[in-house]
Protein backbone atom coordinates (compact mmCIF):
# COMPACT_ATOMS: atom_id res chain seq x y z
CA UNK A 1 115.13 130.70 118.20
CA UNK A 2 114.61 134.54 120.07
CA UNK A 3 112.48 135.50 122.54
CA UNK A 4 108.92 134.37 122.15
CA UNK A 5 105.85 136.79 121.52
CA UNK A 6 108.40 140.13 121.25
CA UNK A 7 107.68 140.50 117.79
CA UNK A 8 104.22 140.95 118.04
CA UNK A 9 104.97 142.92 120.82
CA UNK A 10 106.28 145.49 118.77
CA UNK A 11 103.91 145.35 116.10
CA UNK A 12 103.09 149.04 116.16
CA UNK A 13 106.60 149.93 115.21
CA UNK A 14 107.11 147.54 112.27
CA UNK A 15 107.09 149.27 109.34
CA UNK A 16 106.76 147.74 105.49
CA UNK A 17 109.69 148.34 103.22
CA UNK A 18 111.41 147.14 99.78
CA UNK A 19 115.00 146.15 100.29
CA UNK A 20 115.84 149.03 97.92
CA UNK A 21 114.97 151.76 100.40
CA UNK A 22 118.51 150.70 102.22
CA UNK A 23 120.01 151.59 98.74
CA UNK A 24 123.77 152.72 99.72
CA UNK A 25 123.56 150.99 102.87
CA UNK A 26 125.66 148.15 104.47
CA UNK A 27 123.68 145.30 106.01
CA UNK A 28 124.92 141.97 107.78
CA UNK A 29 123.30 138.95 107.24
CA UNK A 30 122.06 135.81 109.56
CA UNK A 31 123.80 133.60 107.56
CA UNK A 32 122.24 130.27 109.08
CA UNK A 33 118.59 131.62 108.84
CA UNK A 34 119.24 131.64 104.94
CA UNK A 35 120.63 128.14 104.84
CA UNK A 36 117.75 127.02 107.10
CA UNK A 37 115.42 128.22 104.73
CA UNK A 38 117.49 126.85 101.47
CA UNK A 39 118.07 123.57 103.51
CA UNK A 40 114.17 123.26 103.43
CA UNK A 41 113.94 122.87 99.91
CA UNK A 42 116.14 120.14 100.19
CA UNK A 43 115.75 118.58 103.81
CA UNK A 44 115.25 114.92 102.60
CA UNK A 45 118.57 114.97 100.82
CA UNK A 46 120.55 116.39 103.49
CA UNK A 47 119.20 114.42 105.86
CA UNK A 48 119.56 110.98 104.22
CA UNK A 49 123.56 112.02 102.85
CA UNK A 50 122.78 112.90 99.31
CA UNK A 51 124.81 115.40 98.38
CA UNK A 52 123.05 119.02 97.37
CA UNK A 53 123.90 122.24 97.34
CA UNK A 54 120.10 123.59 96.36
CA UNK A 55 120.93 125.19 99.99
CA UNK A 56 123.48 127.47 98.85
CA UNK A 57 121.27 128.80 95.85
CA UNK A 58 118.46 129.88 97.99
CA UNK A 59 120.97 132.09 99.76
CA UNK A 60 123.24 133.34 96.52
CA UNK A 61 119.88 134.53 95.37
CA UNK A 62 119.02 136.71 97.81
CA UNK A 63 122.72 138.10 98.20
CA UNK A 64 122.55 138.94 94.77
CA UNK A 65 119.19 140.61 95.09
CA UNK A 66 121.09 142.89 98.11
CA UNK A 67 123.52 143.66 95.37
CA UNK A 68 121.05 144.08 92.79
CA UNK A 69 119.22 147.00 94.69
CA UNK A 70 122.27 148.85 96.10
CA UNK A 71 122.86 147.08 99.30
CA UNK A 72 126.27 145.97 100.21
CA UNK A 73 126.16 142.35 102.06
CA UNK A 74 128.22 140.70 105.00
CA UNK A 75 127.35 137.28 105.48
CA UNK A 76 127.82 136.47 109.43
CA UNK A 77 127.80 132.45 110.42
CA UNK A 78 127.27 131.15 113.45
CA UNK A 79 130.57 129.58 115.11
CA UNK A 80 130.64 127.39 118.09
CA UNK A 81 128.12 126.67 120.71
CA UNK A 82 128.09 128.67 124.27
CA UNK A 83 128.47 126.84 127.63
CA UNK A 84 124.99 128.96 128.06
CA UNK A 85 123.19 127.16 125.53
CA UNK A 86 124.10 123.96 126.31
CA UNK A 87 120.45 122.79 127.43
CA UNK A 88 118.77 124.38 124.57
CA UNK A 89 121.08 122.88 121.81
CA UNK A 90 120.42 119.25 123.71
CA UNK A 91 116.64 119.74 123.45
CA UNK A 92 117.19 121.10 119.70
CA UNK A 93 118.95 117.29 118.79
CA UNK A 94 116.59 115.51 121.03
CA UNK A 95 113.61 116.74 118.69
CA UNK A 96 115.59 116.34 115.53
CA UNK A 97 116.04 112.89 116.39
CA UNK A 98 112.55 112.45 117.10
CA UNK A 99 111.64 114.28 113.70
CA UNK A 100 114.16 111.79 111.74
CA UNK A 101 112.51 108.53 113.33
CA UNK A 102 109.12 109.42 112.05
CA UNK A 103 110.42 111.23 108.53
CA UNK A 104 111.83 107.27 108.08
CA UNK A 105 108.67 105.81 109.43
CA UNK A 106 106.38 107.70 107.19
CA UNK A 107 109.08 107.24 104.14
CA UNK A 108 108.60 103.18 104.86
CA UNK A 109 104.83 103.63 104.76
CA UNK A 110 104.81 105.64 101.37
CA UNK A 111 103.69 108.73 103.30
CA UNK A 112 105.78 110.84 101.86
CA UNK A 113 104.05 114.39 101.79
CA UNK A 114 103.98 114.09 105.83
CA UNK A 115 107.67 112.66 106.03
CA UNK A 116 108.97 115.93 104.43
CA UNK A 117 107.50 117.82 106.76
CA UNK A 118 109.66 116.07 109.44
CA UNK A 119 112.50 115.79 107.30
CA UNK A 120 112.74 119.84 107.23
CA UNK A 121 112.15 119.64 111.10
CA UNK A 122 115.27 117.69 111.49
CA UNK A 123 117.63 119.23 109.39
CA UNK A 124 121.10 120.44 111.34
CA UNK A 125 122.71 123.44 109.79
CA UNK A 126 126.81 122.45 109.98
CA UNK A 127 129.89 124.32 109.27
CA UNK A 128 130.48 122.36 106.91
CA UNK A 129 127.65 123.32 104.81
CA UNK A 130 128.26 127.00 105.63
CA UNK A 131 131.29 126.36 103.98
CA UNK A 132 129.69 125.90 100.85
CA UNK A 133 127.99 129.03 100.95
CA UNK A 134 131.45 130.61 101.88
CA UNK A 135 132.84 129.02 98.59
CA UNK A 136 130.25 130.83 96.56
CA UNK A 137 130.67 134.22 98.77
CA UNK A 138 134.23 134.23 97.85
CA UNK A 139 133.76 133.55 93.94
CA UNK A 140 131.51 136.31 94.03
CA UNK A 141 133.49 138.98 96.53
CA UNK A 142 131.03 138.86 99.15
CA UNK A 143 132.88 139.38 102.50
CA UNK A 144 131.55 137.04 105.29
CA UNK A 145 132.61 136.24 108.76
CA UNK A 146 132.40 133.33 111.12
CA UNK A 147 131.61 134.18 114.44
CA UNK A 148 133.75 132.54 117.33
CA UNK A 149 130.38 132.04 119.21
CA UNK A 150 126.54 132.89 117.84
CA UNK A 151 126.29 135.35 114.67
CA UNK A 152 123.49 137.25 116.94
CA UNK A 153 126.59 139.10 118.98
CA UNK A 154 128.56 139.37 116.17
CA UNK A 155 126.00 141.00 114.35
CA UNK A 156 125.34 143.36 116.95
CA UNK A 157 128.91 143.82 117.14
CA UNK A 158 129.40 145.06 113.47
CA UNK A 159 126.46 147.57 113.86
CA UNK A 160 127.58 148.59 117.13
CA UNK A 161 131.12 149.40 115.86
CA UNK A 162 129.64 151.42 112.56
CA UNK A 163 130.92 148.74 110.27
CA UNK A 164 127.35 147.75 109.04
CA UNK A 165 124.08 150.01 109.18
CA UNK A 166 121.68 147.37 109.76
CA UNK A 167 121.27 143.83 110.01
CA UNK A 168 118.76 141.18 108.34
CA UNK A 169 117.72 138.19 110.21
CA UNK A 170 114.56 136.43 111.51
CA UNK A 171 115.56 136.41 114.99
CA UNK A 172 114.38 138.85 117.76
CA UNK A 173 117.16 138.51 119.90
CA UNK A 174 119.17 141.33 117.63
CA UNK A 175 116.67 143.73 119.61
CA UNK A 176 117.85 142.24 123.03
CA UNK A 177 121.46 142.39 122.21
CA UNK A 178 120.93 146.33 121.18
CA UNK A 179 120.55 146.46 117.44
CA UNK A 180 119.48 149.54 116.22
CA UNK A 181 118.00 149.19 112.76
CA UNK A 182 116.86 145.36 111.60
CA UNK A 183 115.41 143.99 108.95
CA UNK A 184 112.60 140.60 109.08
CA UNK A 185 110.89 138.72 106.64
CA UNK A 186 112.80 139.66 103.85
CA UNK A 187 111.16 137.64 100.48
CA UNK A 188 112.48 136.78 97.27
CA UNK A 189 110.77 139.99 95.91
CA UNK A 190 112.56 142.38 98.19
CA UNK A 191 109.97 142.93 100.74
CA UNK A 192 110.44 143.20 104.20
CA UNK A 193 109.93 144.68 107.74
CA UNK A 194 111.98 147.28 108.96
CA UNK A 195 112.38 147.95 112.88
CA UNK A 196 113.97 150.69 114.24
CA UNK A 197 114.83 151.14 117.67
CA UNK A 198 114.39 154.50 118.40
CA UNK A 199 110.84 154.30 117.52
CA UNK A 200 110.47 152.08 120.55
CA UNK A 201 109.31 155.18 122.58
CA UNK A 202 105.95 155.35 120.18
CA UNK A 203 104.47 152.32 121.54
CA UNK A 204 101.40 152.87 122.94
CA UNK A 205 99.73 149.45 123.50
CA UNK A 206 103.33 148.07 125.60
CA UNK A 207 104.89 151.84 126.62
CA UNK A 208 108.64 151.56 126.96
CA UNK A 209 108.63 155.18 127.81
CA UNK A 210 111.46 155.66 130.53
CA UNK A 211 113.05 152.61 129.74
CA UNK A 212 116.63 152.09 128.14
CA UNK A 213 118.18 149.53 126.82
CA UNK A 214 118.57 147.37 130.08
CA UNK A 215 114.68 147.42 131.16
CA UNK A 216 114.11 146.05 127.58
CA UNK A 217 117.03 142.97 127.96
CA UNK A 218 115.59 142.32 131.12
CA UNK A 219 112.00 142.22 130.17
CA UNK A 220 113.22 139.97 127.01
CA UNK A 221 115.18 137.45 129.67
CA UNK A 222 112.60 137.37 132.50
CA UNK A 223 109.89 136.02 129.54
CA UNK A 224 112.62 133.35 128.67
CA UNK A 225 115.31 132.76 126.26
CA UNK A 226 117.98 130.79 124.84
CA UNK A 227 119.98 131.02 127.87
CA UNK A 228 117.11 130.85 130.79
CA UNK A 229 113.92 129.55 130.98
CA UNK A 230 111.18 131.54 131.76
CA UNK A 231 109.51 131.41 135.25
CA UNK A 232 106.46 128.79 134.33
CA UNK A 233 103.53 131.32 133.31
CA UNK A 234 105.45 134.44 132.80
CA UNK A 235 105.69 135.29 128.86
CA UNK A 236 106.55 138.62 127.31
CA UNK A 237 103.47 140.44 128.36
CA UNK A 238 103.33 139.54 131.92
CA UNK A 239 107.04 139.96 131.70
CA UNK A 240 106.42 143.54 130.51
CA UNK A 241 103.86 144.15 133.15
CA UNK A 242 106.04 143.16 136.22
CA UNK A 243 108.74 145.03 135.30
CA UNK A 244 106.94 147.67 134.70
CA UNK A 245 105.22 147.88 138.19
CA UNK A 246 108.24 146.33 140.26
CA UNK A 247 111.63 148.12 138.32
CA UNK A 248 113.85 145.45 139.12
CA UNK A 249 114.22 141.94 138.71
CA UNK A 250 114.82 141.23 142.24
CA UNK A 251 111.56 143.25 143.27
CA UNK A 252 109.56 141.20 140.43
CA UNK A 253 110.87 137.76 141.92
CA UNK A 254 110.42 138.75 145.46
CA UNK A 255 106.64 139.76 144.58
CA UNK A 256 105.99 136.65 142.58
CA UNK A 257 107.09 134.36 145.33
CA UNK A 258 105.21 135.96 147.79
CA UNK A 259 101.98 136.00 145.33
CA UNK A 260 102.66 132.04 145.71
CA UNK A 261 100.90 130.99 142.21
CA UNK A 262 104.17 130.86 140.35
CA UNK A 263 107.27 128.66 141.36
CA UNK A 264 110.42 130.39 140.82
CA UNK A 265 113.83 128.37 141.06
CA UNK A 266 115.80 128.86 143.78
CA UNK A 267 118.95 129.56 141.85
CA UNK A 268 116.92 132.10 139.61
CA UNK A 269 118.88 135.48 140.16
CA UNK A 270 122.25 134.42 140.12
CA UNK A 271 121.14 132.23 136.66
CA UNK A 272 119.59 135.56 135.12
CA UNK A 273 122.76 137.66 135.77
CA UNK A 274 124.87 135.07 133.68
CA UNK A 275 122.16 134.87 131.19
CA UNK A 276 122.45 138.91 131.03
CA UNK A 277 126.38 138.82 130.63
CA UNK A 278 126.04 137.04 127.48
CA UNK A 279 123.55 139.49 126.34
CA UNK A 280 126.13 142.52 127.09
CA UNK A 281 129.71 140.79 127.10
CA UNK A 282 129.64 137.82 124.25
CA UNK A 283 132.91 136.97 122.82
CA UNK A 284 133.10 138.04 118.78
CA UNK A 285 135.64 138.47 116.51
CA UNK A 286 136.57 142.14 115.48
CA UNK A 287 138.14 142.02 111.41
CA UNK A 288 140.00 144.95 111.98
CA UNK A 289 142.36 143.38 114.65
CA UNK A 290 141.97 139.58 113.77
CA UNK A 291 141.25 139.08 117.47
CA UNK A 292 138.33 138.38 119.92
CA UNK A 293 136.74 141.20 121.55
CA UNK A 294 133.65 141.49 123.69
CA UNK A 295 130.29 142.99 122.31
CA UNK A 296 130.65 145.51 125.19
CA UNK A 297 133.66 146.17 127.37
CA UNK A 298 133.71 144.74 130.76
CA UNK A 299 134.44 147.28 133.12
CA UNK A 300 134.29 145.54 136.34
CA UNK A 301 136.87 146.03 138.47
CA UNK A 302 138.79 142.43 138.58
CA UNK A 303 137.11 141.42 135.65
CA UNK A 304 135.01 138.48 135.08
CA UNK A 305 134.66 135.41 137.56
CA UNK A 306 136.14 131.82 135.98
CA UNK A 307 132.18 130.74 135.77
CA UNK A 308 131.53 134.09 133.92
CA UNK A 309 134.28 133.72 131.55
CA UNK A 310 133.09 130.52 130.57
CA UNK A 311 129.84 131.88 129.98
CA UNK A 312 130.16 134.24 127.85
CA UNK A 313 132.28 132.13 125.45
CA UNK A 314 135.88 130.89 126.27
CA UNK A 315 138.96 133.54 124.87
CA UNK A 316 140.94 131.85 122.05
CA UNK A 317 144.44 132.40 120.21
CA UNK A 318 143.97 135.10 117.68
CA UNK A 319 145.19 132.39 114.79
CA UNK A 320 142.49 130.27 115.98
CA UNK A 321 139.79 133.16 115.84
CA UNK A 322 141.39 134.22 112.62
CA UNK A 323 140.92 130.24 111.05
CA UNK A 324 137.43 130.26 112.33
CA UNK A 325 136.53 133.72 110.77
CA UNK A 326 137.67 132.58 107.66
CA UNK A 327 135.86 129.07 107.79
CA UNK A 328 139.02 127.26 107.82
CA UNK A 329 139.02 125.94 111.19
CA UNK A 330 135.97 124.08 112.66
CA UNK A 331 134.23 126.31 115.28
CA UNK A 332 133.64 123.40 117.73
CA UNK A 333 137.11 121.21 117.23
CA UNK A 334 138.97 123.91 116.24
CA UNK A 335 140.51 121.34 113.55
CA UNK A 336 141.08 122.02 110.06
CA UNK A 337 137.43 121.92 108.49
CA UNK A 338 137.03 119.14 106.16
CA UNK A 339 135.22 120.20 102.93
CA UNK A 340 132.36 117.96 102.69
CA UNK A 341 131.15 119.07 98.73
CA UNK A 342 135.09 119.06 97.56
CA UNK A 343 133.61 118.68 94.04
CA UNK A 344 131.52 122.10 94.32
CA UNK A 345 133.22 125.09 92.81
CA UNK A 346 130.61 127.90 92.03
CA UNK A 347 131.30 131.18 90.29
CA UNK A 348 133.42 131.77 87.25
CA UNK A 349 136.56 129.41 86.19
CA UNK A 350 138.70 131.98 87.32
CA UNK A 351 137.34 132.51 90.50
CA UNK A 352 137.21 128.84 91.22
CA UNK A 353 141.04 129.09 90.90
CA UNK A 354 141.76 131.08 94.01
CA UNK A 355 138.18 130.51 95.86
CA UNK A 356 139.66 127.98 98.63
CA UNK A 357 141.99 130.95 99.97
CA UNK A 358 141.15 134.30 98.17
CA UNK A 359 138.92 136.61 96.80
CA UNK A 360 139.45 139.01 93.56
CA UNK A 361 139.66 142.30 94.10
CA UNK A 362 138.20 144.53 91.39
CA UNK A 363 141.24 145.62 89.91
CA UNK A 364 142.35 141.91 89.57
CA UNK A 365 144.57 141.96 92.10
CA UNK A 366 144.12 138.82 94.55
CA UNK A 367 143.07 139.93 98.19
CA UNK A 368 142.97 137.27 101.28
CA UNK A 369 140.18 137.05 103.42
CA UNK A 370 141.15 139.77 105.63
CA UNK A 371 142.59 142.25 103.13
CA UNK A 372 139.00 141.84 101.59
CA UNK A 373 136.93 142.44 104.61
CA UNK A 374 138.89 145.33 105.58
CA UNK A 375 138.54 146.78 101.92
CA UNK A 376 134.41 146.39 102.89
CA UNK A 377 135.53 148.41 106.27
CA UNK A 378 136.99 151.11 104.13
CA UNK A 379 134.31 151.26 101.73
CA UNK A 380 131.29 152.26 104.15
């Protein structure tokens, strides 16, 4: 997840803070990060089919902590898979299957502690699990959005459009997407690390002087990302060095090939361009209009080609996009999302009466999901 080695590369601009330092701000949260963290504590139950919602408790504890310190949260969940990440998802599924087989074998042998380590590595966070957290968010009137595709792009869009002031995540990709204020390593006591994009120019060990978002993004892609494997032998530090020296990706590839020590795939440049499109124009949900948008506008004459359109996530009808955003429609199948924990009813009795479709305003007036998000936008 993210760009390997990117955060250590930026250690000079990492500032230790407490969540109270963001009082009065609105922060969007990468929901699957908290779901994964929460799932670690009940991984065996989840993998073996036992019903538990302990993963919801973990996430809601942090939501309440944010609100206690005057931070307004907006939870964002992953949606459907991108064609650009098909290979990555296949690899992850294969690794989960391997860990599951190992966990079961160790359990049979009575080696339960070792088995638990493998159970935590084969948990797959699903839309059905996200729905349980959504139920808790509704009960406590916390706004949320399920992205049409990746949460990363949705989070970046919300910040870019001024809907939120910053992002809480563990994924370094958010910096590659252009986010300006990103909070990492938030713990249960509220301690965290804050990275401000404008501080990049102060880095001395790895200089970004003269670079804009384009160069930074291309360095990250060259080092290897979810949408394109790196050229074997090129990590983040080498990518930084090569791009500082040769300026463009074309010249980097040309010189690496001439050097002859590393093997560059024949289709690397066109694949690089497709990967960059995902960081620039991935489709996201606009809660103000109820329709899909692109992270950045496509200004190319004639628009994108068919293969490019698919790569950034196919467009969809507004009603489908809205259903996904509200957590009613499964982001992969586009069918109604089944509640696998129908007996789970978080919150007060009054909230439970309306949690399946609405949230309650402070005045007691019932608000729909879209209305609650619009109120959030107006408040900030």
